[in-house]
Amino acid sequence: MCLIAEELGRQLCAMPLAPCAAAALALAASKSTRHLQCLEALMRGENLVLPALRSGNARLALARDAAGAWKVSGRCDGIPAASARALSSKPRQGGTHRVLHGRQGQGPEMKPARAADGTALACLRLRNLPVPDEAIVASGAAAGALAAK
């Protein structure tokens, strides 16, 4: 990581290295084939996967609806790189979950924005977005341990 950070700095590359590494760690912890395929695409540079978390303004909630299906709602502003494909949230009913959800189809509403230095950001809005069970990366104590890493 130090070598990569040094080389990115040498080129003044505005790459979100730390958030991307955190997402890779989360995907690597999963036993799901879907998550491992996403990790492989990330490692090949085909996908950029970032957590949609920013302390202070992230307001995302994951809960089951009346039919028992997972839904995520909320907002998070200032996400690095508007092309991000992952989000993370905490459920209303206790515990912690880490969720992976793509932007295709009925996806989150992401509006591009710019930081003061011109860095690409995104503003994420979710309204009862369905989250399939296979999109859950970790839950319970495993999710808490993963978040601590």
N, C-alpha and C. Protein backbone atom coordinates (compact mmCIF):
# COMPACT_ATOMS: atom_id res chain seq x y z
N MET A 1 0.82 -1.19 0.00
CA MET A 1 0.00 0.00 0.00
C MET A 1 0.87 1.26 0.00
N CYS A 2 1.98 1.21 0.74
CA CYS A 2 2.87 2.38 0.78
C CYS A 2 3.45 2.67 -0.59
N LEU A 3 3.87 1.62 -1.29
CA LEU A 3 4.45 1.80 -2.62
C LEU A 3 3.40 2.36 -3.59
N ILE A 4 2.20 1.83 -3.53
CA ILE A 4 1.13 2.33 -4.40
C ILE A 4 0.83 3.79 -4.08
N ALA A 5 0.71 4.12 -2.80
CA ALA A 5 0.43 5.50 -2.40
C ALA A 5 1.54 6.44 -2.86
N GLU A 6 2.78 5.99 -2.75
CA GLU A 6 3.92 6.81 -3.18
C GLU A 6 3.86 7.08 -4.69
N GLU A 7 3.56 6.05 -5.47
CA GLU A 7 3.49 6.22 -6.92
C GLU A 7 2.30 7.09 -7.33
N LEU A 8 1.17 6.94 -6.65
CA LEU A 8 0.01 7.80 -6.94
C LEU A 8 0.35 9.25 -6.61
N GLY A 9 1.05 9.47 -5.52
CA GLY A 9 1.46 10.81 -5.14
C GLY A 9 2.45 11.42 -6.11
N ARG A 10 3.33 10.59 -6.63
CA ARG A 10 4.32 11.06 -7.60
C ARG A 10 3.64 11.60 -8.85
N GLN A 11 2.51 11.01 -9.21
CA GLN A 11 1.77 11.43 -10.41
C GLN A 11 0.64 12.42 -10.08
N LEU A 12 0.50 12.79 -8.81
CA LEU A 12 -0.59 13.65 -8.35
C LEU A 12 -1.95 13.09 -8.79
N CYS A 13 -2.08 11.79 -8.66
CA CYS A 13 -3.30 11.08 -9.06
C CYS A 13 -4.35 11.21 -7.96
N ALA A 14 -5.53 11.65 -8.31
CA ALA A 14 -6.61 11.82 -7.34
C ALA A 14 -7.42 10.53 -7.22
N MET A 15 -6.75 9.45 -6.90
CA MET A 15 -7.38 8.13 -6.75
C MET A 15 -7.75 7.92 -5.29
N PRO A 16 -8.99 7.49 -5.01
CA PRO A 16 -9.40 7.24 -3.62
C PRO A 16 -8.84 5.92 -3.11
N LEU A 17 -7.55 5.87 -2.83
CA LEU A 17 -6.85 4.64 -2.49
C LEU A 17 -7.37 4.00 -1.20
N ALA A 18 -7.45 4.75 -0.13
CA ALA A 18 -7.86 4.16 1.16
C ALA A 18 -9.29 3.62 1.11
N PRO A 19 -10.28 4.38 0.60
CA PRO A 19 -11.63 3.81 0.51
C PRO A 19 -11.70 2.59 -0.40
N CYS A 20 -10.96 2.61 -1.49
CA CYS A 20 -10.94 1.48 -2.42
C CYS A 20 -10.34 0.25 -1.74
N ALA A 21 -9.30 0.45 -0.97
CA ALA A 21 -8.67 -0.66 -0.23
C ALA A 21 -9.62 -1.22 0.82
N ALA A 22 -10.40 -0.35 1.47
CA ALA A 22 -11.38 -0.80 2.46
C ALA A 22 -12.47 -1.66 1.79
N ALA A 23 -12.92 -1.23 0.62
CA ALA A 23 -13.91 -2.01 -0.11
C ALA A 23 -13.35 -3.36 -0.53
N ALA A 24 -12.10 -3.39 -0.97
CA ALA A 24 -11.46 -4.64 -1.37
C ALA A 24 -11.35 -5.59 -0.18
N LEU A 25 -11.02 -5.06 0.98
CA LEU A 25 -10.94 -5.87 2.19
C LEU A 25 -12.29 -6.50 2.52
N ALA A 26 -13.36 -5.71 2.40
CA ALA A 26 -14.70 -6.21 2.67
C ALA A 26 -15.09 -7.30 1.68
N LEU A 27 -14.83 -7.08 0.41
CA LEU A 27 -15.16 -8.09 -0.60
C LEU A 27 -14.35 -9.37 -0.40
N ALA A 28 -13.09 -9.23 -0.03
CA ALA A 28 -12.23 -10.40 0.19
C ALA A 28 -12.70 -11.23 1.38
N ALA A 29 -13.35 -10.60 2.34
CA ALA A 29 -13.83 -11.31 3.53
C ALA A 29 -15.07 -12.15 3.24
N SER A 30 -15.75 -11.87 2.14
CA SER A 30 -16.97 -12.58 1.79
C SER A 30 -16.64 -13.92 1.14
N LYS A 31 -17.51 -14.88 1.35
CA LYS A 31 -17.36 -16.20 0.70
C LYS A 31 -18.19 -16.28 -0.58
N SER A 32 -18.94 -15.23 -0.89
CA SER A 32 -19.83 -15.21 -2.04
C SER A 32 -19.05 -15.14 -3.35
N THR A 33 -19.44 -15.95 -4.31
CA THR A 33 -18.83 -15.91 -5.64
C THR A 33 -19.03 -14.55 -6.28
N ARG A 34 -20.22 -13.97 -6.10
CA ARG A 34 -20.52 -12.65 -6.66
C ARG A 34 -19.55 -11.60 -6.14
N HIS A 35 -19.29 -11.62 -4.84
CA HIS A 35 -18.40 -10.63 -4.23
C HIS A 35 -16.95 -10.85 -4.67
N LEU A 36 -16.56 -12.12 -4.78
CA LEU A 36 -15.19 -12.40 -5.22
C LEU A 36 -14.99 -12.00 -6.69
N GLN A 37 -16.02 -12.17 -7.52
CA GLN A 37 -15.94 -11.71 -8.91
C GLN A 37 -15.82 -10.19 -8.96
N CYS A 38 -16.55 -9.52 -8.11
CA CYS A 38 -16.47 -8.05 -8.03
C CYS A 38 -15.06 -7.63 -7.59
N LEU A 39 -14.49 -8.35 -6.63
CA LEU A 39 -13.13 -8.07 -6.18
C LEU A 39 -12.13 -8.28 -7.31
N GLU A 40 -12.29 -9.36 -8.06
CA GLU A 40 -11.38 -9.62 -9.18
C GLU A 40 -11.46 -8.49 -10.21
N ALA A 41 -12.68 -8.02 -10.51
CA ALA A 41 -12.85 -6.92 -11.47
C ALA A 41 -12.21 -5.64 -10.92
N LEU A 42 -12.31 -5.44 -9.61
CA LEU A 42 -11.67 -4.29 -8.97
C LEU A 42 -10.15 -4.38 -9.12
N MET A 43 -9.60 -5.56 -8.88
CA MET A 43 -8.16 -5.75 -8.96
C MET A 43 -7.63 -5.60 -10.41
N ARG A 44 -8.48 -5.92 -11.38
CA ARG A 44 -8.09 -5.75 -12.79
C ARG A 44 -8.29 -4.32 -13.27
N GLY A 45 -8.88 -3.47 -12.42
CA GLY A 45 -9.11 -2.09 -12.80
C GLY A 45 -10.36 -1.89 -13.64
N GLU A 46 -11.25 -2.89 -13.69
CA GLU A 46 -12.48 -2.79 -14.47
C GLU A 46 -13.60 -2.11 -13.70
N ASN A 47 -13.57 -2.20 -12.38
CA ASN A 47 -14.59 -1.59 -11.52
C ASN A 47 -13.91 -0.75 -10.45
N LEU A 48 -14.59 0.28 -10.03
CA LEU A 48 -14.17 1.05 -8.87
C LEU A 48 -15.24 0.83 -7.82
N VAL A 49 -14.87 0.24 -6.71
CA VAL A 49 -15.81 -0.08 -5.65
C VAL A 49 -15.41 0.70 -4.41
N LEU A 50 -16.33 1.53 -3.92
CA LEU A 50 -16.05 2.37 -2.76
C LEU A 50 -17.19 2.30 -1.77
N PRO A 51 -16.89 2.42 -0.49
CA PRO A 51 -17.97 2.49 0.50
C PRO A 51 -18.64 3.86 0.43
N ALA A 52 -19.96 3.85 0.50
CA ALA A 52 -20.71 5.10 0.50
C ALA A 52 -20.89 5.57 1.94
N LEU A 53 -19.79 5.82 2.59
CA LEU A 53 -19.79 6.27 3.98
C LEU A 53 -18.93 7.51 4.08
N ARG A 54 -19.46 8.47 4.74
CA ARG A 54 -18.68 9.66 5.04
C ARG A 54 -19.18 10.16 6.38
N SER A 55 -18.35 10.13 7.37
CA SER A 55 -18.80 10.47 8.71
C SER A 55 -19.39 11.87 8.73
N GLY A 56 -20.47 12.00 9.48
CA GLY A 56 -21.11 13.31 9.62
C GLY A 56 -22.34 13.49 8.76
N ASN A 57 -22.34 12.98 7.52
CA ASN A 57 -23.51 13.23 6.69
C ASN A 57 -24.14 11.97 6.11
N ALA A 58 -23.58 10.80 6.34
CA ALA A 58 -24.17 9.57 5.82
C ALA A 58 -25.42 9.24 6.63
N ARG A 59 -26.54 9.13 5.95
CA ARG A 59 -27.80 8.79 6.59
C ARG A 59 -28.44 7.66 5.79
N LEU A 60 -27.87 6.46 5.91
CA LEU A 60 -28.37 5.30 5.20
C LEU A 60 -28.94 4.31 6.20
N ALA A 61 -30.08 3.71 5.86
CA ALA A 61 -30.72 2.74 6.75
C ALA A 61 -31.17 1.53 5.94
N LEU A 62 -30.87 0.35 6.46
CA LEU A 62 -31.26 -0.90 5.84
C LEU A 62 -32.30 -1.56 6.73
N ALA A 63 -33.44 -1.95 6.17
CA ALA A 63 -34.51 -2.58 6.95
C ALA A 63 -35.30 -3.53 6.07
N ARG A 64 -35.95 -4.48 6.70
CA ARG A 64 -36.83 -5.39 5.97
C ARG A 64 -38.22 -4.76 5.85
N ASP A 65 -38.85 -4.92 4.67
CA ASP A 65 -40.21 -4.42 4.49
C ASP A 65 -41.20 -5.46 5.02
N ALA A 66 -42.50 -5.22 4.85
CA ALA A 66 -43.54 -6.11 5.37
C ALA A 66 -43.43 -7.52 4.78
N ALA A 67 -42.93 -7.63 3.56
CA ALA A 67 -42.78 -8.93 2.90
C ALA A 67 -41.48 -9.62 3.27
N GLY A 68 -40.64 -8.98 4.06
CA GLY A 68 -39.37 -9.57 4.49
C GLY A 68 -38.20 -9.29 3.58
N ALA A 69 -38.41 -8.46 2.55
CA ALA A 69 -37.32 -8.11 1.64
C ALA A 69 -36.51 -6.94 2.20
N TRP A 70 -35.19 -6.97 1.97
CA TRP A 70 -34.33 -5.87 2.41
C TRP A 70 -34.54 -4.65 1.51
N LYS A 71 -34.59 -3.47 2.11
CA LYS A 71 -34.67 -2.19 1.39
C LYS A 71 -33.70 -1.23 2.06
N VAL A 72 -33.06 -0.40 1.26
CA VAL A 72 -32.16 0.61 1.80
C VAL A 72 -32.65 1.97 1.35
N SER A 73 -32.60 2.93 2.27
CA SER A 73 -33.01 4.31 1.99
C SER A 73 -32.04 5.25 2.66
N GLY A 74 -31.96 6.46 2.14
CA GLY A 74 -31.14 7.47 2.77
C GLY A 74 -30.30 8.25 1.79
N ARG A 75 -29.30 8.92 2.32
CA ARG A 75 -28.44 9.76 1.49
C ARG A 75 -27.02 9.78 2.04
N CYS A 76 -26.11 10.08 1.15
CA CYS A 76 -24.72 10.26 1.52
C CYS A 76 -24.10 11.18 0.48
N ASP A 77 -23.61 12.31 0.91
CA ASP A 77 -23.01 13.29 0.00
C ASP A 77 -21.49 13.20 0.08
N GLY A 78 -20.84 13.62 -0.99
CA GLY A 78 -19.39 13.70 -1.00
C GLY A 78 -18.68 12.37 -1.13
N ILE A 79 -19.30 11.41 -1.82
CA ILE A 79 -18.65 10.12 -2.05
C ILE A 79 -17.57 10.32 -3.11
N PRO A 80 -16.35 9.85 -2.88
CA PRO A 80 -15.31 10.00 -3.90
C PRO A 80 -15.68 9.26 -5.18
N ALA A 81 -15.44 9.89 -6.30
CA ALA A 81 -15.63 9.29 -7.62
C ALA A 81 -17.07 8.87 -7.89
N ALA A 82 -17.73 9.59 -8.77
CA ALA A 82 -19.13 9.35 -9.07
C ALA A 82 -19.39 7.99 -9.71
N SER A 83 -18.35 7.27 -10.08
CA SER A 83 -18.55 5.96 -10.69
C SER A 83 -18.57 4.83 -9.67
N ALA A 84 -18.58 5.14 -8.40
CA ALA A 84 -18.57 4.11 -7.36
C ALA A 84 -19.77 3.19 -7.49
N ARG A 85 -19.57 1.89 -7.19
CA ARG A 85 -20.63 0.90 -7.35
C ARG A 85 -21.00 0.22 -6.04
N ALA A 86 -20.54 0.67 -4.91
CA ALA A 86 -20.87 -0.03 -3.68
C ALA A 86 -21.39 0.92 -2.63
N LEU A 87 -22.13 0.40 -1.72
CA LEU A 87 -22.58 1.22 -0.60
C LEU A 87 -22.58 0.37 0.64
N SER A 88 -22.58 1.02 1.77
CA SER A 88 -22.58 0.32 3.04
C SER A 88 -23.58 1.02 3.94
N SER A 89 -24.29 0.27 4.74
CA SER A 89 -25.29 0.90 5.60
C SER A 89 -25.50 0.10 6.88
N LYS A 90 -26.17 0.72 7.82
CA LYS A 90 -26.52 0.06 9.07
C LYS A 90 -28.03 -0.10 9.11
N PRO A 91 -28.54 -1.25 9.56
CA PRO A 91 -29.98 -1.46 9.62
C PRO A 91 -30.62 -0.73 10.79
N ARG A 92 -31.90 -0.45 10.68
CA ARG A 92 -32.64 0.21 11.76
C ARG A 92 -32.88 -0.75 12.92
N GLN A 93 -32.93 -2.05 12.65
CA GLN A 93 -33.34 -3.02 13.65
C GLN A 93 -32.16 -3.66 14.38
N GLY A 94 -31.09 -2.93 14.58
CA GLY A 94 -29.95 -3.44 15.32
C GLY A 94 -28.99 -4.23 14.45
N GLY A 95 -27.78 -4.43 14.93
CA GLY A 95 -26.78 -5.14 14.15
C GLY A 95 -26.16 -4.25 13.09
N THR A 96 -25.29 -4.82 12.30
CA THR A 96 -24.62 -4.07 11.24
C THR A 96 -24.54 -4.95 10.01
N HIS A 97 -24.77 -4.38 8.87
CA HIS A 97 -24.65 -5.10 7.61
C HIS A 97 -23.75 -4.32 6.68
N ARG A 98 -23.07 -5.00 5.80
CA ARG A 98 -22.32 -4.35 4.74
C ARG A 98 -22.94 -4.83 3.44
N VAL A 99 -23.32 -3.91 2.60
CA VAL A 99 -24.11 -4.22 1.41
C VAL A 99 -23.36 -3.85 0.15
N LEU A 100 -23.45 -4.71 -0.84
CA LEU A 100 -22.91 -4.40 -2.16
C LEU A 100 -24.09 -4.31 -3.11
N HIS A 101 -24.19 -3.24 -3.85
CA HIS A 101 -25.30 -3.10 -4.78
C HIS A 101 -24.84 -2.33 -6.00
N GLY A 102 -25.08 -2.86 -7.17
CA GLY A 102 -24.66 -2.21 -8.41
C GLY A 102 -25.55 -1.06 -8.80
N ARG A 103 -25.11 -0.28 -9.78
CA ARG A 103 -25.85 0.88 -10.23
C ARG A 103 -26.75 0.58 -11.42
N GLN A 104 -26.74 -0.64 -11.95
CA GLN A 104 -27.58 -0.89 -13.10
C GLN A 104 -29.03 -1.10 -12.68
N GLY A 105 -29.97 -0.94 -13.63
CA GLY A 105 -31.39 -1.16 -13.35
C GLY A 105 -31.91 -0.13 -12.37
N GLN A 106 -32.74 -0.60 -11.43
CA GLN A 106 -33.32 0.28 -10.43
C GLN A 106 -32.26 0.53 -9.36
N GLY A 107 -31.38 1.43 -9.64
CA GLY A 107 -30.26 1.65 -8.74
C GLY A 107 -30.40 2.94 -7.98
N PRO A 108 -29.36 3.27 -7.25
CA PRO A 108 -29.36 4.52 -6.51
C PRO A 108 -29.31 5.71 -7.45
N GLU A 109 -29.80 6.82 -6.98
CA GLU A 109 -29.70 8.08 -7.73
C GLU A 109 -28.39 8.72 -7.32
N MET A 110 -27.47 8.87 -8.27
CA MET A 110 -26.18 9.47 -7.98
C MET A 110 -26.01 10.70 -8.85
N LYS A 111 -25.79 11.83 -8.21
CA LYS A 111 -25.57 13.07 -8.94
C LYS A 111 -24.10 13.46 -8.82
N PRO A 112 -23.47 13.77 -9.94
CA PRO A 112 -22.06 14.17 -9.88
C PRO A 112 -21.90 15.52 -9.19
N ALA A 113 -20.79 15.67 -8.51
CA ALA A 113 -20.46 16.93 -7.83
C ALA A 113 -18.94 17.08 -7.88
N ARG A 114 -18.47 18.23 -7.46
CA ARG A 114 -17.02 18.49 -7.43
C ARG A 114 -16.65 19.06 -6.06
N ALA A 115 -15.50 18.63 -5.57
CA ALA A 115 -14.95 19.20 -4.35
C ALA A 115 -14.28 20.53 -4.71
N ALA A 116 -13.88 21.27 -3.71
CA ALA A 116 -13.24 22.57 -3.94
C ALA A 116 -11.99 22.45 -4.80
N ASP A 117 -11.29 21.31 -4.71
CA ASP A 117 -10.07 21.13 -5.51
C ASP A 117 -10.35 20.52 -6.89
N GLY A 118 -11.63 20.31 -7.23
CA GLY A 118 -12.00 19.75 -8.53
C GLY A 118 -12.15 18.24 -8.54
N THR A 119 -11.89 17.58 -7.43
CA THR A 119 -12.02 16.13 -7.34
C THR A 119 -13.47 15.71 -7.61
N ALA A 120 -13.64 14.65 -8.39
CA ALA A 120 -14.99 14.14 -8.69
C ALA A 120 -15.60 13.51 -7.44
N LEU A 121 -16.82 13.90 -7.16
CA LEU A 121 -17.59 13.35 -6.04
C LEU A 121 -18.95 12.92 -6.56
N ALA A 122 -19.73 12.28 -5.70
CA ALA A 122 -21.10 11.93 -6.03
C ALA A 122 -21.97 12.17 -4.81
N CYS A 123 -23.22 12.51 -5.06
CA CYS A 123 -24.23 12.63 -4.02
C CYS A 123 -25.20 11.47 -4.24
N LEU A 124 -25.33 10.59 -3.28
CA LEU A 124 -26.12 9.37 -3.38
C LEU A 124 -27.46 9.55 -2.67
N ARG A 125 -28.55 9.19 -3.36
CA ARG A 125 -29.89 9.20 -2.77
C ARG A 125 -30.53 7.85 -3.03
N LEU A 126 -31.09 7.24 -2.00
CA LEU A 126 -31.75 5.94 -2.11
C LEU A 126 -33.15 6.04 -1.52
N ARG A 127 -34.11 5.45 -2.21
CA ARG A 127 -35.49 5.43 -1.72
C ARG A 127 -36.02 4.01 -1.84
N ASN A 128 -36.05 3.29 -0.74
CA ASN A 128 -36.55 1.92 -0.71
C ASN A 128 -35.96 1.06 -1.82
N LEU A 129 -34.68 1.15 -1.98
CA LEU A 129 -33.98 0.37 -3.01
C LEU A 129 -33.92 -1.09 -2.58
N PRO A 130 -34.42 -2.02 -3.40
CA PRO A 130 -34.35 -3.43 -3.03
C PRO A 130 -32.90 -3.91 -2.96
N VAL A 131 -32.59 -4.69 -1.95
CA VAL A 131 -31.26 -5.26 -1.78
C VAL A 131 -31.43 -6.77 -1.64
N PRO A 132 -31.00 -7.54 -2.65
CA PRO A 132 -31.14 -9.00 -2.54
C PRO A 132 -30.26 -9.56 -1.43
N ASP A 133 -30.69 -10.67 -0.86
CA ASP A 133 -29.93 -11.30 0.23
C ASP A 133 -28.48 -11.57 -0.16
N GLU A 134 -28.24 -11.95 -1.43
CA GLU A 134 -26.88 -12.27 -1.85
C GLU A 134 -25.99 -11.03 -1.94
N ALA A 135 -26.57 -9.84 -1.79
CA ALA A 135 -25.78 -8.62 -1.81
C ALA A 135 -25.18 -8.29 -0.45
N ILE A 136 -25.63 -8.99 0.59
CA ILE A 136 -25.10 -8.75 1.93
C ILE A 136 -23.70 -9.35 2.03
N VAL A 137 -22.72 -8.52 2.32
CA VAL A 137 -21.34 -8.98 2.44
C VAL A 137 -21.10 -9.62 3.80
N ALA A 138 -21.60 -9.00 4.86
CA ALA A 138 -21.43 -9.53 6.21
C ALA A 138 -22.53 -8.99 7.09
N SER A 139 -22.84 -9.70 8.17
CA SER A 139 -23.84 -9.21 9.11
C SER A 139 -23.45 -9.59 10.52
N GLY A 140 -24.11 -8.99 11.48
CA GLY A 140 -23.87 -9.30 12.88
C GLY A 140 -22.45 -8.98 13.31
N ALA A 141 -21.88 -9.87 14.14
CA ALA A 141 -20.54 -9.66 14.69
C ALA A 141 -19.48 -9.64 13.59
N ALA A 142 -19.69 -10.44 12.53
CA ALA A 142 -18.71 -10.47 11.44
C ALA A 142 -18.64 -9.09 10.75
N ALA A 143 -19.78 -8.42 10.59
CA ALA A 143 -19.79 -7.10 9.98
C ALA A 143 -19.11 -6.09 10.89
N GLY A 144 -19.34 -6.20 12.19
CA GLY A 144 -18.69 -5.29 13.14
C GLY A 144 -17.17 -5.43 13.10
N ALA A 145 -16.70 -6.69 13.03
CA ALA A 145 -15.25 -6.92 12.95
C ALA A 145 -14.68 -6.40 11.65
N LEU A 146 -15.43 -6.58 10.56
CA LEU A 146 -15.00 -6.10 9.26
C LEU A 146 -14.93 -4.57 9.23
N ALA A 147 -15.93 -3.92 9.83
CA ALA A 147 -15.94 -2.46 9.90
C ALA A 147 -14.75 -1.94 10.72
N ALA A 148 -14.40 -2.66 11.77
CA ALA A 148 -13.27 -2.25 12.61
C ALA A 148 -11.95 -2.34 11.85
N LYS A 149 -11.82 -3.31 10.95
CA LYS A 149 -10.60 -3.43 10.14
C LYS A 149 -10.48 -2.25 9.21
